[in-house]
Each structure stands twice: as structure tokens, then as C-alpha cells.
Protein backbone atom coordinates (compact mmCIF):
# COMPACT_ATOMS: atom_id res chain seq x y z
CA MET A 1 -57.26 -76.52 -73.78
CA MET A 2 -57.22 -74.89 -70.40
CA LEU A 3 -58.27 -76.97 -67.27
CA THR A 4 -60.50 -75.61 -64.71
CA ALA A 5 -59.17 -75.38 -61.10
CA GLU A 6 -61.13 -78.51 -60.21
CA GLN A 7 -59.58 -80.49 -63.20
CA GLU A 8 -56.06 -79.42 -62.25
CA ARG A 9 -56.63 -80.64 -58.62
CA ASP A 10 -57.98 -83.98 -60.13
CA VAL A 11 -54.85 -84.49 -62.11
CA VAL A 12 -52.52 -83.62 -59.13
CA LEU A 13 -54.59 -85.96 -57.01
CA ASP A 14 -54.57 -88.83 -59.58
CA GLU A 15 -50.74 -88.73 -59.75
CA ILE A 16 -50.46 -88.64 -55.98
CA VAL A 17 -52.76 -91.70 -55.82
CA ARG A 18 -50.69 -93.45 -58.42
CA LEU A 19 -47.48 -92.92 -56.41
CA MET A 20 -49.05 -94.02 -53.19
CA LYS A 21 -50.23 -97.17 -54.85
CA LYS A 22 -46.71 -97.67 -56.31
CA TYR A 23 -45.11 -97.27 -52.83
CA ARG A 24 -47.95 -98.76 -50.85
CA GLY A 25 -48.34 -95.64 -48.60
CA THR A 26 -47.90 -91.93 -48.23
CA TYR A 27 -44.74 -90.10 -49.14
CA GLU A 28 -43.96 -89.59 -45.40
CA MET A 29 -44.64 -93.28 -44.80
CA THR A 30 -42.47 -94.61 -47.50
CA ILE A 31 -39.81 -92.71 -49.37
CA ARG A 32 -39.18 -89.54 -47.47
CA ASP A 33 -36.71 -90.90 -44.90
CA LYS A 34 -35.26 -93.66 -47.00
CA THR A 35 -31.60 -93.26 -46.85
CA GLN A 36 -30.76 -95.36 -50.06
CA ARG A 37 -32.85 -94.52 -52.99
CA THR A 38 -32.75 -95.80 -56.40
CA ILE A 39 -32.71 -93.35 -59.35
CA GLU A 40 -36.23 -94.06 -59.86
CA GLU A 41 -37.15 -93.50 -56.25
CA GLU A 42 -35.10 -90.09 -56.56
CA ARG A 43 -37.23 -89.01 -59.44
CA ASP A 44 -40.50 -90.28 -57.99
CA ALA A 45 -39.66 -88.46 -54.63
CA SER A 46 -38.83 -85.09 -56.47
CA ILE A 47 -42.13 -85.34 -58.53
CA TRP A 48 -44.24 -86.52 -55.40
CA LEU A 49 -42.97 -83.37 -53.47
CA VAL A 50 -43.82 -80.95 -56.29
CA LEU A 51 -47.48 -82.51 -56.50
CA LEU A 52 -47.87 -82.29 -52.69
CA ASP A 53 -46.78 -78.57 -52.89
CA GLU A 54 -49.09 -77.99 -55.81
CA LEU A 55 -51.91 -79.64 -53.90
CA ARG A 56 -51.20 -77.62 -50.71
CA GLU A 57 -51.24 -74.21 -52.63
CA MET A 58 -54.43 -75.32 -54.51
CA ASN A 59 -55.99 -76.00 -50.94
CA GLU A 60 -54.80 -72.61 -49.58
CA ALA A 61 -56.17 -70.63 -52.65
CA PRO A 62 -59.48 -68.77 -51.99
């Protein structure tokens, strides 16, 4: 089943919100500049960046 653009955006936003709740803040506020990350934090940071890039691309699309 294909998702609509709105549904895709909702999925991305839901995942971003989940990470924000987990880390109690935005990517920039919490994990971006952390020098010592756990393996889980490294994974979450990578996923978070991809989600933020996807959201940015969706918002720039006509």
C-alpha cells in the first residue's frame, strides 16, 4: 500500500517526536554536540538526521 505525501510526513513527524521524547529535546539541544555517545545514541542520531532531512525535503517540495 502506498502512502500519501501527508501520511509519509505524519510517519516522519511521529518518529521525530518519539526521539524528542526519548531524549527530552530537539536533536540540536540533546545529541548533536555530545562527544561521548553510546552505540544506541549513535544509531538514534543517524536516524534522527535522516528523518530531519526527509522532513526538510518534504517541506521544500511544491
